Structure formats: structure tokens, C-alpha cells
Amino acid sequence: MIEWGCFQYTLMPFVLKNVSTIFSCVVIPAFKEFIHKFLEVYFDDWTVFGPVKHHVASFLLMLDTCLRYRITLNLKKCLFCVPFRILLGHVVCRNILMVDPAKIMIIINLEVPRSVKRLHATLGHIGYYRKFIKSYAHITTPMEKLLKNEATFYWNEEC
């Protein structure tokens, strides 16, 4: 409170520390009855999903809740009625979840790791998509062996 009135942000100031936590503390309680039923929330990224016949009603419930809690949406950043979208490195469409082709290209073009630190980063990139990689554990075993304390780092064909 200041002497000439109350100060209130109209946009979320992302330069402040812990602002995403504060935002989540508002959004999660506001939408808790909808989350996992027809709405998914990840920080400031919301997705309304479900059968087409229920989609409009679900969307209107979400908008009504935004009005009730005075949550504003940036229409320039909103996508409506799209058959698929990219969300957290995945292509999400009707009944399929796939890896974003751009992320596959990034993984293919990764440099050969020359240190344990770079190997950790590489395994982190690849590990995020392990459910899509057949025999992931078998493929990464030689690389995992290089992470052991007693191992000397030597990248070979097996890796």
C-alpha cells in the first residue's frame, strides 16, 4: 500500500524472484477442480483438452475462472482449436504423443562428449525422451560406465 492508493501488477513481472511459484499459488487453487480432467497447467502454459463435443464447455469454464480470479490472458500467445501443438518438447495431438522433430535434430547433432560434464548433459538431453527410445538402458550402458568414479573417460565406438 502506498500513500496514493494500492499498487497492483497487470502483467506478471518475471524478473522478480520466485514469481512462478507465486503464480502457481494463485493458478493451482483457482483451477484445481479442472486439472487432469480437461486442463493441464505447467507454469504459465495451460492446455484445455478433451473430446470436441465437451471442448467448448471446458474452455468456457476455464475463461470464467480466469474472470473470477482476474487472471488475464495474452491473446497473441494463445492458440485455439488446433489439431496438434508442441508442448515441452513433445508433439501432442489427438491420441498420440511424439517427440518434437526439432528436438530429435538437436540430439542427432550433439557433439561427442569430451568430458564427464558434457556426458552428463548429453545423457540428460537423451534421457528426457527415454520412453521413446527402444532399449534405452542397453544403449546408454557404455556411456553410464564412463560416469563411474574409477573409470577413465575414453569415448569409443561402443559409446
Protein backbone atom coordinates (compact mmCIF):
# COMPACT_ATOMS: atom_id res chain seq x y z
CA MET A 1 0.00 0.00 0.00
CA ILE A 2 1.33 3.40 -0.93
CA GLU A 3 0.08 6.86 0.05
CA TRP A 4 -1.93 7.47 -3.15
CA GLY A 5 -3.51 4.02 -3.42
CA CYS A 6 -2.80 0.34 -3.90
CA PHE A 7 -0.21 -0.82 -6.43
CA GLN A 8 -1.05 -3.93 -8.43
CA TYR A 9 0.71 -5.56 -11.38
CA THR A 10 -1.34 -6.01 -14.55
CA LEU A 11 1.34 -8.27 -16.06
CA MET A 12 3.38 -10.92 -14.30
CA PRO A 13 6.85 -9.42 -13.67
CA PHE A 14 9.11 -12.36 -14.48
CA VAL A 15 12.25 -10.52 -13.35
CA LEU A 16 11.19 -10.97 -9.72
CA LYS A 17 12.48 -13.99 -7.82
CA ASN A 18 10.02 -16.86 -7.14
CA VAL A 19 7.36 -15.25 -9.32
CA SER A 20 6.50 -18.58 -10.99
CA THR A 21 5.92 -20.06 -7.53
CA ILE A 22 3.65 -17.16 -6.62
CA PHE A 23 1.83 -17.53 -9.94
CA SER A 24 1.36 -21.27 -9.27
CA CYS A 25 0.00 -20.49 -5.80
CA VAL A 26 -2.78 -18.50 -7.49
CA VAL A 27 -3.41 -20.69 -10.54
CA ILE A 28 -3.42 -24.17 -8.97
CA PRO A 29 -6.09 -23.41 -6.32
CA ALA A 30 -8.16 -21.47 -8.86
CA PHE A 31 -8.23 -24.34 -11.36
CA LYS A 32 -7.84 -27.36 -9.04
CA GLU A 33 -11.26 -28.78 -9.89
CA PHE A 34 -10.36 -28.80 -13.62
CA ILE A 35 -6.74 -30.01 -13.54
CA HIS A 36 -6.28 -33.52 -15.01
CA LYS A 37 -9.96 -33.56 -16.05
CA PHE A 38 -9.77 -31.18 -19.01
CA LEU A 39 -6.97 -28.76 -18.11
CA GLU A 40 -3.22 -29.14 -17.66
CA VAL A 41 -1.13 -26.36 -16.17
CA TYR A 42 2.64 -26.08 -16.42
CA PHE A 43 3.84 -22.73 -15.04
CA ASP A 44 2.16 -20.22 -17.37
CA ASP A 45 1.36 -22.75 -20.11
CA TRP A 46 -2.21 -24.07 -19.97
CA THR A 47 -3.79 -26.68 -22.20
CA VAL A 48 -7.51 -27.41 -22.42
CA PHE A 49 -8.06 -30.89 -23.85
CA GLY A 50 -10.77 -33.47 -24.33
CA PRO A 51 -13.42 -34.64 -26.76
CA VAL A 52 -14.55 -31.98 -29.24
CA LYS A 53 -18.16 -32.10 -28.02
CA HIS A 54 -17.02 -31.06 -24.49
CA HIS A 55 -14.18 -28.77 -25.53
CA VAL A 56 -16.15 -25.52 -25.83
CA ALA A 57 -17.85 -26.01 -22.45
CA SER A 58 -14.49 -26.80 -20.82
CA PHE A 59 -12.91 -23.77 -22.43
CA LEU A 60 -15.72 -21.50 -21.22
CA LEU A 61 -15.32 -22.85 -17.66
CA MET A 62 -11.63 -22.02 -17.83
CA LEU A 63 -12.32 -18.49 -19.13
CA ASP A 64 -15.00 -17.93 -16.47
CA THR A 65 -12.49 -18.92 -13.78
CA CYS A 66 -9.94 -16.50 -15.27
CA LEU A 67 -12.51 -13.71 -15.00
CA ARG A 68 -13.41 -14.66 -11.42
CA TYR A 69 -9.76 -14.60 -10.29
CA ARG A 70 -8.84 -11.62 -12.53
CA ILE A 71 -6.30 -13.66 -14.49
CA THR A 72 -5.63 -12.07 -17.86
CA LEU A 73 -4.56 -13.95 -20.97
CA ASN A 74 -2.34 -12.60 -23.73
CA LEU A 75 -4.38 -13.40 -26.85
CA LYS A 76 -1.27 -13.06 -29.05
CA LYS A 77 0.21 -16.07 -27.25
CA CYS A 78 -2.98 -18.17 -27.23
CA LEU A 79 -3.75 -20.97 -29.68
CA PHE A 80 -7.33 -22.09 -30.17
CA CYS A 81 -8.80 -25.23 -31.77
CA VAL A 82 -5.51 -26.60 -33.05
CA PRO A 83 -5.25 -30.26 -34.16
CA PHE A 84 -1.80 -30.55 -32.53
CA ARG A 85 0.74 -28.46 -30.69
CA ILE A 86 4.27 -28.62 -29.35
CA LEU A 87 4.38 -28.77 -25.58
CA LEU A 88 7.54 -29.34 -23.53
CA GLY A 89 9.43 -30.90 -26.43
CA HIS A 90 6.58 -33.21 -27.43
CA VAL A 91 4.07 -33.04 -30.26
CA VAL A 92 0.65 -33.55 -28.70
CA CYS A 93 -2.25 -34.44 -30.98
CA ARG A 94 -5.50 -36.32 -30.79
CA ASN A 95 -4.37 -39.74 -29.48
CA ILE A 96 -0.63 -39.58 -29.99
CA LEU A 97 2.34 -38.20 -28.09
CA MET A 98 5.51 -37.88 -30.17
CA VAL A 99 8.92 -36.29 -29.84
CA ASP A 100 9.23 -32.87 -31.46
CA PRO A 101 11.25 -33.43 -34.69
CA ALA A 102 13.30 -30.31 -33.93
CA LYS A 103 14.43 -31.90 -30.65
CA ILE A 104 15.42 -35.08 -32.49
CA MET A 105 17.65 -32.99 -34.76
CA ILE A 106 19.25 -31.32 -31.74
CA ILE A 107 20.05 -34.72 -30.22
CA ILE A 108 21.41 -36.07 -33.53
CA ASN A 109 23.63 -33.00 -33.90
CA LEU A 110 25.00 -33.08 -30.35
CA GLU A 111 28.79 -33.07 -30.24
CA VAL A 112 30.57 -36.17 -29.00
CA PRO A 113 31.12 -35.53 -25.28
CA ARG A 114 34.77 -34.93 -24.40
CA SER A 115 34.32 -34.77 -20.63
CA VAL A 116 32.20 -36.24 -17.85
CA LYS A 117 30.34 -32.93 -17.54
CA ARG A 118 29.40 -32.93 -21.24
CA LEU A 119 28.42 -36.62 -21.00
CA HIS A 120 26.05 -35.76 -18.14
CA ALA A 121 24.48 -33.05 -20.33
CA THR A 122 24.18 -35.42 -23.30
CA LEU A 123 22.55 -38.14 -21.20
CA GLY A 124 20.20 -35.51 -19.80
CA HIS A 125 19.08 -34.50 -23.30
CA ILE A 126 18.62 -38.09 -24.40
CA GLY A 127 17.14 -39.29 -21.10
CA TYR A 128 14.23 -36.86 -21.31
CA TYR A 129 12.97 -38.91 -24.28
CA ARG A 130 13.92 -42.38 -22.97
CA LYS A 131 10.35 -43.67 -23.17
CA PHE A 132 10.53 -43.21 -26.95
CA ILE A 133 13.91 -44.96 -27.36
CA LYS A 134 13.78 -48.73 -27.66
CA SER A 135 16.40 -50.43 -25.43
CA TYR A 136 17.42 -47.09 -23.93
CA ALA A 137 19.15 -48.72 -20.93
CA HIS A 138 21.10 -51.09 -23.17
CA ILE A 139 22.16 -48.26 -25.50
CA THR A 140 23.32 -45.96 -22.70
CA THR A 141 25.10 -48.58 -20.55
CA PRO A 142 28.56 -47.95 -22.09
CA MET A 143 28.11 -44.21 -21.51
CA GLU A 144 26.94 -44.75 -17.93
CA LYS A 145 30.11 -46.77 -17.24
CA LEU A 146 32.17 -43.69 -18.08
CA LEU A 147 30.46 -41.81 -15.24
CA LYS A 148 31.80 -44.13 -12.54
CA ASN A 149 34.48 -42.64 -10.31
CA GLU A 150 37.14 -45.25 -11.11
CA ALA A 151 36.57 -45.11 -14.88
CA THR A 152 38.89 -43.21 -17.17
CA PHE A 153 36.99 -41.16 -19.72
CA TYR A 154 37.56 -42.68 -23.14
CA TRP A 155 34.88 -42.36 -25.84
CA ASN A 156 34.91 -45.30 -28.24
CA GLU A 157 32.67 -46.97 -30.84
CA GLU A 158 30.76 -48.83 -28.11
CA CYS A 159 29.60 -45.48 -26.71
